[in-house]
Amino acid sequence: MDTVLIAGAGLAGSRCAETLRSEGFDGRIVLAGDEPHPPYERPALSKELLAGARDDVSLRPWSFWAEQGIELRLGTRVEAVDLHRRTALVGGGEVCWDSVVLATGARLRRPQGLRTLADALALRERLAPGVRLAIAGGGFVGTEVASTALALGAEVTLVEAAEVPFEAILGREVGETLTARYRAHGIDVRTGTTELPPHDVVLYAIGVEPVRELVPWLGSDACGRTVQPGVYACGDVTGTGHWTAAAGQAAAVARAILGEDRPYREPLYVWSDQFGLRLQLVGEPRAAVRVELEGGDDSFRARYLDGEGRLRAALLANRPREVAELRRELALAA
């Protein structure tokens, strides 16, 4: 009987396991994750869960994994992989594998950040009216937490080393538009500095780095194959860092293991709920040289164009109906 070992029980690892079963794989699936919780929705950590609006963020009911014949090993790390013997040390025991999937995710660049369910629950316990929260980093996680914490009555200071939040990703003009909204809602935004003000709680939202220690890392293709035979990769370990890409890559890996190549090449898609805005980013804005911004404070669109005027990305604020159209336009411009 073939065995697939999946190192990492986040979205990518769990989606890979699910897809293997749904596509007809009847071999052994071992899904090992070092957290004590079953696979859960990470995007909810900075929003609904932190706000206290949800307590259960599980991707599937607990019974699902046993019903699917997936060996879910929680609080268990894949400690080593032997590429020659095709074995792995998992929680102190040996597992023989025919295919191994690296879905090990990413780790915080420094402590006191928000990455895991435990991180979110610990932060939630400390947020209360009047608590002074300092957030280092004005990316999506930092600004989402700022929005949630403000709604809980905290006094929030957002510290960003760049001249405006999101400048490197979304451009200066969009960054200034969002910064004005943050300040209008009562956030103390301090830019061009890394110095934190006096605070009761601090959150470092300065990014993550892929966890790549298990095997020598040389990258992976659009089907998730690495240069090592039988070794695949999906999710944050590949550097994607986004929910939809992790899910799409995981499905591509499962199908590649089953001998069906269906490469994942969808444009980048990211969403964020903050300060009354549903932000939806499609495509890669850093590939653009010009930005066209139109709309008002509560609903706007930024189009990112290359030197030949072709659309490379778009950011929508409270314009969900336009996403499908922009995806089609990006596909034609590719």
Protein backbone atom coordinates (compact mmCIF):
# COMPACT_ATOMS: atom_id res chain seq x y z
CA MET A 1 0.00 0.00 0.00
CA ASP A 2 1.41 3.42 -0.96
CA THR A 3 1.99 5.91 1.86
CA VAL A 4 1.91 9.70 1.56
CA LEU A 5 3.46 11.55 4.49
CA ILE A 6 2.46 15.21 4.78
CA ALA A 7 4.67 17.37 6.98
CA GLY A 8 2.46 20.20 8.21
CA ALA A 9 -1.23 20.21 9.07
CA GLY A 10 -2.13 23.74 8.02
CA LEU A 11 -4.31 24.64 5.06
CA ALA A 12 -1.87 23.32 2.44
CA GLY A 13 -1.20 20.01 4.18
CA SER A 14 -4.83 19.33 5.03
CA ARG A 15 -6.09 20.33 1.57
CA CYS A 16 -3.53 18.01 -0.02
CA ALA A 17 -4.75 15.13 2.15
CA GLU A 18 -8.40 15.88 1.34
CA THR A 19 -7.72 16.10 -2.39
CA LEU A 20 -5.86 12.79 -2.41
CA ARG A 21 -8.91 11.09 -0.92
CA SER A 22 -11.45 12.89 -3.10
CA GLU A 23 -9.43 11.99 -6.22
CA GLY A 24 -9.52 8.30 -5.35
CA PHE A 25 -6.25 7.62 -3.51
CA ASP A 26 -6.81 4.59 -1.25
CA GLY A 27 -3.36 4.35 0.32
CA ARG A 28 -2.15 5.50 3.70
CA ILE A 29 -2.09 9.24 4.45
CA VAL A 30 -0.21 10.52 7.49
CA LEU A 31 -0.85 14.20 8.23
CA ALA A 32 1.49 15.47 10.95
CA GLY A 33 1.30 18.92 12.52
CA ASP A 34 3.26 20.33 15.44
CA GLU A 35 0.33 22.35 16.81
CA PRO A 36 -2.14 20.63 19.18
CA HIS A 37 -5.14 21.90 17.18
CA PRO A 38 -6.70 20.27 14.12
CA PRO A 39 -6.33 22.22 10.84
CA TYR A 40 -7.89 25.66 11.14
CA GLU A 41 -8.57 28.90 9.25
CA ARG A 42 -5.56 31.13 9.74
CA PRO A 43 -7.11 34.30 8.17
CA ALA A 44 -9.74 34.37 10.95
CA LEU A 45 -7.07 34.77 13.64
CA SER A 46 -6.64 38.51 13.13
CA LYS A 47 -10.33 39.15 12.61
CA GLU A 48 -13.30 37.10 13.90
CA LEU A 49 -11.41 35.01 16.44
CA LEU A 50 -9.44 37.94 17.83
CA ALA A 51 -12.67 39.94 18.08
CA GLY A 52 -14.36 37.13 20.05
CA ALA A 53 -16.95 36.62 17.33
CA ARG A 54 -15.78 33.03 16.74
CA ASP A 55 -14.15 30.40 18.90
CA ASP A 56 -14.11 27.48 16.51
CA VAL A 57 -12.02 28.14 13.40
CA SER A 58 -11.52 24.47 12.46
CA LEU A 59 -11.47 23.70 8.76
CA ARG A 60 -13.34 20.43 9.29
CA PRO A 61 -15.23 18.71 12.11
CA TRP A 62 -12.98 16.55 14.26
CA SER A 63 -14.64 13.37 12.99
CA PHE A 64 -13.85 14.19 9.35
CA TRP A 65 -10.24 13.03 9.48
CA ALA A 66 -11.03 9.58 10.83
CA GLU A 67 -13.95 9.20 8.43
CA GLN A 68 -11.60 9.92 5.53
CA GLY A 69 -8.99 7.49 6.80
CA ILE A 70 -6.45 10.26 7.31
CA GLU A 71 -4.04 9.68 10.19
CA LEU A 72 -4.02 13.11 11.83
CA ARG A 73 -1.10 13.36 14.23
CA LEU A 74 -1.28 16.55 16.26
CA GLY A 75 1.49 17.98 18.41
CA THR A 76 3.82 15.88 16.29
CA ARG A 77 6.71 17.21 14.25
CA VAL A 78 8.33 15.53 11.27
CA GLU A 79 11.83 15.71 12.68
CA ALA A 80 13.90 14.30 9.82
CA VAL A 81 13.48 12.90 6.31
CA ASP A 82 15.80 10.27 4.85
CA LEU A 83 15.63 10.71 1.07
CA HIS A 84 17.59 7.53 0.31
CA ARG A 85 15.73 5.09 2.58
CA ARG A 86 12.41 6.94 2.08
CA THR A 87 11.73 7.08 5.77
CA ALA A 88 10.99 9.90 8.17
CA LEU A 89 11.26 10.40 11.91
CA VAL A 90 7.80 11.48 13.04
CA GLY A 91 7.19 12.14 16.71
CA GLY A 92 10.01 9.81 17.67
CA GLY A 93 8.83 6.93 15.45
CA GLU A 94 9.71 5.94 11.90
CA VAL A 95 7.31 6.26 8.97
CA CYS A 96 8.11 4.76 5.56
CA TRP A 97 6.83 6.87 2.69
CA ASP A 98 6.41 6.65 -1.07
CA SER A 99 5.73 10.38 -1.38
CA VAL A 100 6.43 13.11 1.14
CA VAL A 101 4.80 16.54 1.00
CA LEU A 102 6.54 19.52 2.56
CA ALA A 103 3.75 21.74 3.88
CA THR A 104 5.79 23.01 6.80
CA GLY A 105 4.61 26.60 6.40
CA ALA A 106 6.44 29.60 7.77
CA ARG A 107 7.61 30.95 11.10
CA LEU A 108 7.53 34.44 12.56
CA ARG A 109 10.62 36.55 12.02
CA ARG A 110 10.50 37.44 15.70
CA PRO A 111 8.39 36.53 18.76
CA GLN A 112 5.31 38.40 19.96
CA GLY A 113 3.68 38.10 16.55
CA LEU A 114 0.46 36.55 15.27
CA ARG A 115 0.86 33.28 13.42
CA THR A 116 -0.87 30.50 15.34
CA LEU A 117 -4.16 29.94 17.12
CA ALA A 118 -2.29 30.10 20.42
CA ASP A 119 -0.86 33.49 19.45
CA ALA A 120 -4.33 34.85 18.65
CA LEU A 121 -5.90 33.54 21.86
CA ALA A 122 -3.08 34.99 23.96
CA LEU A 123 -3.48 38.39 22.30
CA ARG A 124 -7.27 38.27 22.67
CA GLU A 125 -6.93 37.79 26.42
CA ARG A 126 -4.91 41.00 26.70
CA LEU A 127 -7.04 43.29 24.55
CA ALA A 128 -9.55 45.39 26.46
CA PRO A 129 -10.84 48.97 26.50
CA GLY A 130 -8.01 51.37 27.29
CA VAL A 131 -5.18 48.90 26.68
CA ARG A 132 -2.33 50.52 24.74
CA LEU A 133 -1.43 48.29 21.80
CA ALA A 134 1.65 49.02 19.73
CA ILE A 135 1.90 47.26 16.37
CA ALA A 136 5.21 47.13 14.54
CA GLY A 137 4.52 46.62 10.85
CA GLY A 138 1.83 48.05 8.60
CA GLY A 139 1.10 45.06 6.35
CA PHE A 140 -2.13 43.08 6.14
CA VAL A 141 -1.78 41.32 9.52
CA GLY A 142 -0.79 44.49 11.35
CA THR A 143 -3.60 46.60 9.93
CA GLU A 144 -6.22 43.86 10.42
CA VAL A 145 -5.24 43.52 14.07
CA ALA A 146 -5.32 47.31 14.40
CA SER A 147 -8.88 47.36 13.07
CA THR A 148 -10.02 44.55 15.38
CA ALA A 149 -8.28 45.94 18.46
CA LEU A 150 -9.73 49.40 17.90
CA ALA A 151 -13.24 47.91 17.79
CA LEU A 152 -12.50 46.27 21.15
CA GLY A 153 -11.68 49.64 22.67
CA ALA A 154 -7.89 49.44 22.63
CA GLU A 155 -5.70 52.47 21.98
CA VAL A 156 -3.71 51.51 18.90
CA THR A 157 -0.43 52.85 17.57
CA LEU A 158 0.75 51.51 14.23
CA VAL A 159 4.49 51.88 13.62
CA GLU A 160 5.77 51.47 10.05
CA ALA A 161 9.39 51.78 8.94
CA ALA A 162 8.41 52.90 5.42
CA GLU A 163 7.01 56.32 4.62
CA VAL A 164 3.50 54.86 4.37
CA PRO A 165 2.03 51.41 5.09
CA PHE A 166 1.93 49.08 2.06
CA GLU A 167 4.25 51.35 0.07
CA ALA A 168 6.40 48.47 -1.20
CA ILE A 169 3.41 46.28 -2.08
CA LEU A 170 0.60 48.58 -3.16
CA GLY A 171 2.42 51.79 -3.96
CA ARG A 172 2.64 55.15 -2.24
CA GLU A 173 -0.67 56.59 -3.45
CA VAL A 174 -2.73 53.63 -2.26
CA GLY A 175 -0.71 53.52 0.96
CA GLU A 176 -1.53 57.18 1.63
CA THR A 177 -5.23 56.55 0.94
CA LEU A 178 -5.33 53.71 3.46
CA THR A 179 -3.27 55.62 6.01
CA ALA A 180 -5.73 58.51 5.91
CA ARG A 181 -8.53 56.05 6.66
CA TYR A 182 -6.65 54.53 9.58
CA ARG A 183 -6.06 57.94 11.12
CA ALA A 184 -9.68 58.98 10.53
CA HIS A 185 -10.75 55.93 12.57
CA GLY A 186 -8.47 56.88 15.45
CA ILE A 187 -5.27 54.93 14.80
CA ASP A 188 -2.04 56.70 15.71
CA VAL A 189 0.02 55.94 12.60
CA ARG A 190 3.74 56.65 12.88
CA THR A 191 5.77 56.18 9.72
CA GLY A 192 9.44 56.29 8.83
CA THR A 193 10.42 54.86 12.21
CA THR A 194 10.80 51.61 14.11
CA GLU A 195 10.64 53.16 17.57
CA LEU A 196 7.71 51.91 19.61
CA PRO A 197 5.77 54.24 21.93
CA PRO A 198 4.97 53.34 25.57
CA HIS A 199 2.58 50.39 25.48
CA ASP A 200 0.87 47.65 27.47
CA VAL A 201 0.92 45.10 24.63
CA VAL A 202 3.11 44.87 21.55
CA LEU A 203 2.56 42.94 18.33
CA TYR A 204 5.37 42.46 15.83
CA ALA A 205 3.77 42.10 12.39
CA ILE A 206 6.98 42.16 10.37
CA GLY A 207 6.49 39.04 8.33
CA VAL A 208 7.44 35.39 8.28
CA GLU A 209 10.08 33.14 6.74
CA PRO A 210 9.55 29.69 5.18
CA VAL A 211 10.44 26.60 7.22
CA ARG A 212 12.77 24.66 4.92
CA GLU A 213 15.08 22.64 7.13
CA LEU A 214 13.71 19.15 6.41
CA VAL A 215 15.33 18.69 2.98
CA PRO A 216 17.78 20.74 0.89
CA TRP A 217 15.58 23.40 -0.71
CA LEU A 218 15.94 24.11 -4.43
CA GLY A 219 12.39 25.21 -5.16
CA SER A 220 9.40 23.47 -6.75
CA ASP A 221 7.49 23.63 -10.03
CA ALA A 222 3.85 24.53 -10.72
CA CYS A 223 2.81 20.99 -9.80
CA GLY A 224 4.71 21.15 -6.51
CA ARG A 225 7.51 18.79 -7.52
CA THR A 226 10.96 19.39 -6.10
CA VAL A 227 14.20 18.10 -7.59
CA GLN A 228 14.15 15.26 -5.05
CA PRO A 229 12.21 12.21 -6.38
CA GLY A 230 8.97 11.67 -4.49
CA VAL A 231 9.26 14.99 -2.62
CA TYR A 232 6.65 17.71 -3.15
CA ALA A 233 6.01 21.14 -1.63
CA CYS A 234 3.00 23.42 -1.22
CA GLY A 235 1.89 26.40 0.82
CA ASP A 236 3.98 28.95 2.69
CA VAL A 237 7.13 26.82 2.49
CA THR A 238 7.26 27.75 -1.21
CA GLY A 239 7.15 31.46 -0.36
CA THR A 240 3.62 32.12 -1.60
CA GLY A 241 2.32 33.30 1.75
CA HIS A 242 -1.35 33.47 0.75
CA TRP A 243 -4.44 31.36 1.47
CA THR A 244 -5.73 30.81 -2.06
CA ALA A 245 -2.29 29.95 -3.44
CA ALA A 246 -1.72 27.43 -0.64
CA ALA A 247 -5.04 25.72 -1.41
CA GLY A 248 -4.41 25.67 -5.15
CA GLN A 249 -0.86 24.38 -4.80
CA ALA A 250 -2.01 21.64 -2.41
CA ALA A 251 -4.57 20.35 -4.91
CA ALA A 252 -1.92 20.41 -7.68
CA VAL A 253 0.47 18.40 -5.50
CA ALA A 254 -2.16 15.77 -4.70
CA ARG A 255 -2.93 15.30 -8.38
CA ALA A 256 0.75 15.15 -9.29
CA ILE A 257 1.23 12.36 -6.75
CA LEU A 258 -1.59 10.52 -8.51
CA GLY A 259 0.09 11.02 -11.89
CA GLU A 260 -2.07 13.86 -13.18
CA ASP A 261 -0.31 17.12 -13.97
CA ARG A 262 -2.59 20.10 -13.42
CA PRO A 263 -0.19 22.99 -12.70
CA TYR A 264 -1.34 25.78 -10.43
CA ARG A 265 -0.71 29.11 -12.19
CA GLU A 266 -3.56 31.29 -10.97
CA PRO A 267 -2.86 35.00 -10.39
CA LEU A 268 -2.14 36.05 -6.83
CA TYR A 269 -5.34 36.69 -4.85
CA VAL A 270 -5.40 38.23 -1.38
CA TRP A 271 -8.27 39.66 0.64
CA SER A 272 -8.39 41.67 3.84
CA ASP A 273 -11.21 43.01 6.03
CA GLN A 274 -10.27 46.17 7.90
CA PHE A 275 -11.76 49.51 8.93
CA GLY A 276 -14.99 48.91 7.02
CA LEU A 277 -13.24 47.89 3.82
CA ARG A 278 -13.12 44.54 2.05
CA LEU A 279 -9.82 44.79 0.19
CA GLN A 280 -9.26 42.32 -2.65
CA LEU A 281 -5.94 42.19 -4.45
CA VAL A 282 -5.64 40.30 -7.74
CA GLY A 283 -2.30 39.90 -9.53
CA GLU A 284 1.20 41.09 -8.66
CA PRO A 285 1.34 44.89 -8.20
CA ARG A 286 5.12 44.97 -7.82
CA ALA A 287 5.41 44.10 -11.52
CA ALA A 288 3.75 47.42 -12.44
CA VAL A 289 5.29 50.81 -13.19
CA ARG A 290 2.11 52.93 -13.03
CA VAL A 291 -0.98 53.03 -10.80
CA GLU A 292 -4.41 54.38 -11.75
CA LEU A 293 -6.54 55.10 -8.67
CA GLU A 294 -10.20 56.01 -8.88
CA GLY A 295 -13.10 56.15 -6.45
CA GLY A 296 -13.79 57.53 -2.98
CA ASP A 297 -12.87 56.71 0.60
CA ASP A 298 -15.41 53.90 0.99
CA SER A 299 -15.10 52.33 -2.46
CA PHE A 300 -12.12 52.58 -4.78
CA ARG A 301 -10.09 50.71 -7.36
CA ALA A 302 -6.38 50.80 -8.14
CA ARG A 303 -5.18 49.39 -11.46
CA TYR A 304 -1.48 48.49 -11.73
CA LEU A 305 -0.11 48.75 -15.27
CA ASP A 306 3.22 47.79 -16.82
CA GLY A 307 5.27 49.92 -19.21
CA GLU A 308 3.11 48.88 -22.16
CA GLY A 309 -0.14 49.74 -20.40
CA ARG A 310 -1.11 46.13 -19.69
CA LEU A 311 -2.91 45.30 -16.46
CA ARG A 312 -0.66 43.44 -14.02
CA ALA A 313 -2.76 43.73 -10.84
CA ALA A 314 -5.73 45.48 -9.27
CA LEU A 315 -6.79 46.37 -5.75
CA LEU A 316 -10.52 46.66 -5.07
CA ALA A 317 -12.04 48.25 -1.98
CA ASN A 318 -15.67 47.28 -1.38
CA ARG A 319 -16.10 46.26 -5.02
CA PRO A 320 -16.48 42.47 -4.91
CA ARG A 321 -18.46 42.24 -8.14
CA GLU A 322 -15.47 43.42 -10.18
CA VAL A 323 -13.10 40.63 -9.13
CA ALA A 324 -14.15 38.08 -11.78
CA GLU A 325 -13.87 40.66 -14.57
CA LEU A 326 -10.37 41.67 -13.47
CA ARG A 327 -9.24 38.06 -13.32
CA ARG A 328 -10.35 37.59 -16.91
CA GLU A 329 -8.52 40.77 -17.96
CA LEU A 330 -5.35 39.60 -16.20
CA ALA A 331 -5.55 36.23 -17.92
CA LEU A 332 -5.81 37.93 -21.33
CA ALA A 333 -2.88 40.24 -20.53
CA ALA A 334 -0.62 37.37 -19.41
